[in-house]
């Protein structure tokens, strides 16, 4: 397995990247829903309809947290075809309606479907839109730094300057993967001018972390133009184990 593939595999341990990707996915789904609801509202037209019957569905613990008041109506689509639909209405409206009364419906010709009347749909579309923006912003906040770090490390793998680094600390993090605590280590290295730099590794599994202790020497790669930017390679950066102390 190439160094790039190994590194990409390890990047999947970045819980911020994984969590951010989930937020972005969910946010995109909510945005798609909000856009769909908004388009339906824009395309909807009012059609006259006649009440055929009315019914109610009592509240229960499993499916209906509150009683649903329904009226069944018949309407004529723009193409002339008759259709029927069950509309949920407020209790006061339900009490006043009777068979044969007129009750308009909101109809979407492109989808040949009836949508709820009143303010429920606009409010639902607005809520979905706001939620999508919030979730997408959280996803961006989580993903962007991790993705930027990943791209930087992939660039260092191909064009970074190799160096040896001394481990200064090995510590558990507050992040976990599959209920396994992830670790990191801090290290120190020098650039050709003799200036010293400190940095942290990416996430390590416990068995990987146990291989290192303060004073151990591992391989890193740093950006020759910005020597303070580096990535931890550990023993993989050495040509043989004898290079490690």
Protein backbone atom coordinates (compact mmCIF):
# COMPACT_ATOMS: atom_id res chain seq x y z
CA UNK A 1 0.00 0.00 0.00
CA UNK A 2 1.40 3.41 -0.99
CA UNK A 3 2.06 6.11 1.59
CA UNK A 4 -0.81 8.18 0.19
CA UNK A 5 -3.30 5.33 0.50
CA UNK A 6 -2.13 4.57 4.04
CA UNK A 7 -2.53 8.20 4.96
CA UNK A 8 -5.99 8.43 3.40
CA UNK A 9 -6.99 5.36 5.39
CA UNK A 10 -5.74 6.96 8.60
CA UNK A 11 -7.61 10.17 7.80
CA UNK A 12 -10.84 8.22 8.29
CA UNK A 13 -10.03 8.26 12.01
CA UNK A 14 -10.50 12.03 12.03
CA UNK A 15 -13.80 12.19 13.88
CA UNK A 16 -14.18 15.87 13.00
CA UNK A 17 -13.94 15.06 9.31
CA UNK A 18 -16.36 12.14 9.62
CA UNK A 19 -18.85 14.06 11.76
CA UNK A 20 -18.61 17.07 9.47
CA UNK A 21 -19.30 14.91 6.43
CA UNK A 22 -22.43 13.56 8.14
CA UNK A 23 -23.63 17.09 8.95
CA UNK A 24 -23.01 18.20 5.36
CA UNK A 25 -24.92 15.18 4.03
CA UNK A 26 -27.87 15.77 6.37
CA UNK A 27 -27.82 19.51 5.70
CA UNK A 28 -27.86 18.93 1.94
CA UNK A 29 -30.84 16.61 2.38
CA UNK A 30 -32.71 19.22 4.42
CA UNK A 31 -31.89 21.90 1.85
CA UNK A 32 -33.17 19.68 -0.94
CA UNK A 33 -36.38 19.13 1.04
CA UNK A 34 -36.80 22.85 1.67
CA UNK A 35 -36.27 23.69 -2.00
CA UNK A 36 -38.77 21.00 -3.03
CA UNK A 37 -41.38 22.32 -0.61
CA UNK A 38 -40.80 25.90 -1.78
CA UNK A 39 -41.18 24.89 -5.44
CA UNK A 40 -44.40 23.05 -4.64
CA UNK A 41 -45.78 26.14 -2.91
CA UNK A 42 -44.83 28.29 -5.89
CA UNK A 43 -46.44 25.93 -8.41
CA UNK A 44 -49.57 25.20 -6.36
CA UNK A 45 -52.95 26.50 -7.48
CA UNK A 46 -56.27 26.69 -5.64
CA UNK A 47 -58.92 24.32 -6.90
CA UNK A 48 -62.57 24.27 -5.82
CA UNK A 49 -63.54 21.04 -4.10
CA UNK A 50 -66.60 19.51 -2.53
CA UNK A 51 -66.70 17.80 0.86
CA UNK A 52 -67.71 14.15 0.54
CA UNK A 53 -67.34 13.04 4.13
CA UNK A 54 -65.44 13.78 7.30
CA UNK A 55 -63.79 11.63 9.94
CA UNK A 56 -61.40 11.81 12.83
CA UNK A 57 -58.48 9.70 13.97
CA UNK A 58 -58.22 9.56 17.78
CA UNK A 59 -54.92 10.25 19.46
CA UNK A 60 -52.80 7.28 20.52
CA UNK A 61 -49.35 6.73 21.96
CA UNK A 62 -47.83 5.15 18.85
CA UNK A 63 -48.76 7.18 15.76
CA UNK A 64 -51.00 10.15 16.56
CA UNK A 65 -49.91 12.39 19.42
CA UNK A 66 -53.14 14.37 18.93
CA UNK A 67 -56.50 13.76 17.31
CA UNK A 68 -56.55 14.33 13.53
CA UNK A 69 -59.64 15.94 12.02
CA UNK A 70 -60.04 14.91 8.37
CA UNK A 71 -62.38 15.84 5.55
CA UNK A 72 -62.53 13.92 2.28
CA UNK A 73 -63.01 16.17 -0.73
CA UNK A 74 -63.52 15.70 -4.46
CA UNK A 75 -62.05 18.08 -7.01
CA UNK A 76 -61.44 18.34 -10.76
CA UNK A 77 -57.85 18.54 -11.97
CA UNK A 78 -56.90 21.15 -14.60
CA UNK A 79 -56.98 18.40 -17.24
CA UNK A 80 -60.55 17.51 -16.37
CA UNK A 81 -59.87 14.33 -14.37
CA UNK A 82 -61.65 13.95 -11.05
CA UNK A 83 -59.64 13.36 -7.91
CA UNK A 84 -60.19 12.85 -4.21
CA UNK A 85 -58.06 13.73 -1.18
CA UNK A 86 -58.15 13.64 2.61
CA UNK A 87 -57.43 17.05 4.14
CA UNK A 88 -56.52 17.61 7.77
CA UNK A 89 -58.26 20.69 9.16
CA UNK A 90 -58.58 22.53 12.43
CA UNK A 91 -61.24 21.19 14.85
CA UNK A 92 -63.32 24.38 14.48
CA UNK A 93 -63.35 24.04 10.67
CA UNK A 94 -64.16 20.33 10.93
CA UNK A 95 -67.19 21.07 13.13
CA UNK A 96 -68.61 23.58 10.63
CA UNK A 97 -68.13 21.52 7.45
CA UNK A 98 -70.72 19.06 6.17
CA UNK A 99 -71.09 16.84 3.10
CA UNK A 100 -71.72 18.96 0.02
CA UNK A 101 -69.94 22.06 1.38
CA UNK A 102 -67.22 23.74 -0.66
CA UNK A 103 -63.65 23.46 0.59
CA UNK A 104 -60.79 24.56 -1.76
CA UNK A 105 -57.59 22.53 -2.03
CA UNK A 106 -53.99 23.43 -2.93
CA UNK A 107 -52.98 21.41 -6.00
CA UNK A 108 -49.55 21.00 -7.66
CA UNK A 109 -50.20 20.27 -11.37
CA UNK A 110 -46.64 19.15 -12.16
CA UNK A 111 -46.82 16.41 -9.52
CA UNK A 112 -50.56 15.87 -9.60
CA UNK A 113 -50.74 16.06 -5.83
CA UNK A 114 -52.64 17.95 -3.19
CA UNK A 115 -50.68 19.71 -0.45
CA UNK A 116 -52.02 20.96 2.89
CA UNK A 117 -53.73 24.34 2.89
CA UNK A 118 -53.01 27.12 5.34
CA UNK A 119 -49.65 28.09 6.81
CA UNK A 120 -48.36 24.60 7.64
CA UNK A 121 -46.46 24.15 4.36
CA UNK A 122 -44.79 27.62 4.29
CA UNK A 123 -43.75 27.20 7.92
CA UNK A 124 -42.44 23.68 7.19
CA UNK A 125 -40.43 24.95 4.21
CA UNK A 126 -39.01 27.82 6.28
CA UNK A 127 -38.06 25.53 9.16
CA UNK A 128 -36.39 23.04 6.79
CA UNK A 129 -34.49 25.90 5.13
CA UNK A 130 -33.23 27.35 8.40
CA UNK A 131 -32.29 23.93 9.74
CA UNK A 132 -30.39 23.11 6.54
CA UNK A 133 -28.35 26.31 6.82
CA UNK A 134 -27.52 25.65 10.48
CA UNK A 135 -26.55 22.02 9.85
CA UNK A 136 -24.47 22.94 6.77
CA UNK A 137 -22.62 25.63 8.74
CA UNK A 138 -21.81 23.14 11.50
CA UNK A 139 -20.62 20.67 8.85
CA UNK A 140 -18.44 23.31 7.22
CA UNK A 141 -16.97 24.27 10.60
CA UNK A 142 -16.02 20.64 11.22
CA UNK A 143 -14.95 19.65 7.70
CA UNK A 144 -12.96 22.59 6.39
CA UNK A 145 -10.04 22.56 8.90
CA UNK A 146 -9.73 18.75 8.70
CA UNK A 147 -9.96 18.73 4.90
CA UNK A 148 -7.39 21.52 4.66
CA UNK A 149 -5.04 19.56 6.94
CA UNK A 150 -5.55 16.42 4.87
CA UNK A 151 -4.70 18.23 1.62
CA UNK A 152 -1.63 19.78 3.27
CA UNK A 153 -0.39 16.37 4.42
CA UNK A 154 -0.97 14.80 1.00
CA UNK A 155 1.11 17.62 -0.47
CA UNK A 156 3.86 17.05 2.10
CA UNK A 157 3.96 13.34 1.27
CA UNK A 158 5.06 14.18 -2.26
CA UNK A 159 7.00 17.40 -1.80
CA UNK A 160 7.85 17.78 1.88
CA UNK A 161 11.36 17.80 3.34
CA UNK A 162 12.11 14.71 5.48
CA UNK A 163 13.46 15.22 9.00
CA UNK A 164 13.77 13.46 12.34
CA UNK A 165 11.62 14.55 15.25
CA UNK A 166 11.72 13.86 18.98
CA UNK A 167 8.53 12.86 20.75
CA UNK A 168 7.78 15.15 23.69
CA UNK A 169 4.40 13.80 24.83
CA UNK A 170 1.97 10.96 24.11
CA UNK A 171 -1.59 11.54 25.32
CA UNK A 172 -5.18 10.30 24.92
CA UNK A 173 -7.70 12.65 23.30
CA UNK A 174 -11.36 13.20 24.05
CA UNK A 175 -12.26 11.64 20.67
CA UNK A 176 -13.02 7.99 20.06
CA UNK A 177 -13.73 5.70 17.12
CA UNK A 178 -15.96 2.65 17.61
CA UNK A 179 -15.68 3.29 21.36
CA UNK A 180 -11.88 3.13 21.19
CA UNK A 181 -10.09 6.20 22.56
CA UNK A 182 -7.85 7.88 20.00
CA UNK A 183 -4.41 9.18 20.92
CA UNK A 184 -2.03 11.83 19.67
CA UNK A 185 1.59 12.73 20.27
CA UNK A 186 3.51 15.97 20.28
CA UNK A 187 6.92 16.20 18.66
CA UNK A 188 9.76 18.65 18.13
CA UNK A 189 12.05 19.01 15.11
CA UNK A 190 14.56 21.46 13.62
CA UNK A 191 14.73 22.99 10.15
CA UNK A 192 18.06 23.52 8.28
CA UNK A 193 18.53 26.93 9.93
CA UNK A 194 18.43 25.30 13.36
CA UNK A 195 15.08 26.77 14.30
CA UNK A 196 12.99 24.42 16.42
CA UNK A 197 9.33 23.68 15.70
CA UNK A 198 6.65 21.83 17.66
CA UNK A 199 3.57 20.10 16.30
CA UNK A 200 1.01 17.32 16.91
CA UNK A 201 0.40 14.10 15.05
CA UNK A 202 -2.93 13.03 13.66
CA UNK A 203 -5.10 10.56 15.56
CA UNK A 204 -3.39 7.31 16.57
CA UNK A 205 -4.90 4.03 17.63
CA UNK A 206 -3.86 2.90 21.14
CA UNK A 207 -1.47 0.22 19.82
CA UNK A 208 0.23 2.80 17.61
CA UNK A 209 0.54 5.25 20.48
CA UNK A 210 2.12 2.59 22.70
CA UNK A 211 5.05 2.37 20.28
CA UNK A 212 6.15 5.86 21.28
CA UNK A 213 7.26 7.59 24.45
CA UNK A 214 8.92 10.92 25.25
CA UNK A 215 12.43 10.89 23.81
CA UNK A 216 11.62 8.48 20.95
CA UNK A 217 12.66 9.61 17.48
CA UNK A 218 10.32 9.41 14.49
CA UNK A 219 10.18 10.72 10.94
CA UNK A 220 8.30 13.83 9.82
CA UNK A 221 7.98 15.82 6.64
CA UNK A 222 7.76 19.61 6.67
CA UNK A 223 7.07 22.33 4.12
CA UNK A 224 10.40 23.82 2.99
CA UNK A 225 8.70 27.18 2.39
CA UNK A 226 6.91 27.13 5.75
CA UNK A 227 9.00 24.89 8.01
CA UNK A 228 6.47 25.17 10.83
CA UNK A 229 3.99 23.12 8.76
CA UNK A 230 4.68 19.43 9.13
CA UNK A 231 3.18 15.94 9.37
CA UNK A 232 4.07 12.96 11.52
CA UNK A 233 5.16 9.77 9.74
CA UNK A 234 6.65 7.87 12.65
CA UNK A 235 8.68 4.80 11.76
CA UNK A 236 7.30 4.71 8.19
CA UNK A 237 9.49 7.62 7.22
CA UNK A 238 12.69 5.71 8.02
CA UNK A 239 14.29 3.29 5.60
CA UNK A 240 15.01 0.81 8.39
CA UNK A 241 14.37 0.36 12.07
CA UNK A 242 17.99 1.11 12.90
CA UNK A 243 17.32 4.74 12.15
CA UNK A 244 14.97 4.91 15.09
CA UNK A 245 16.04 5.32 18.70
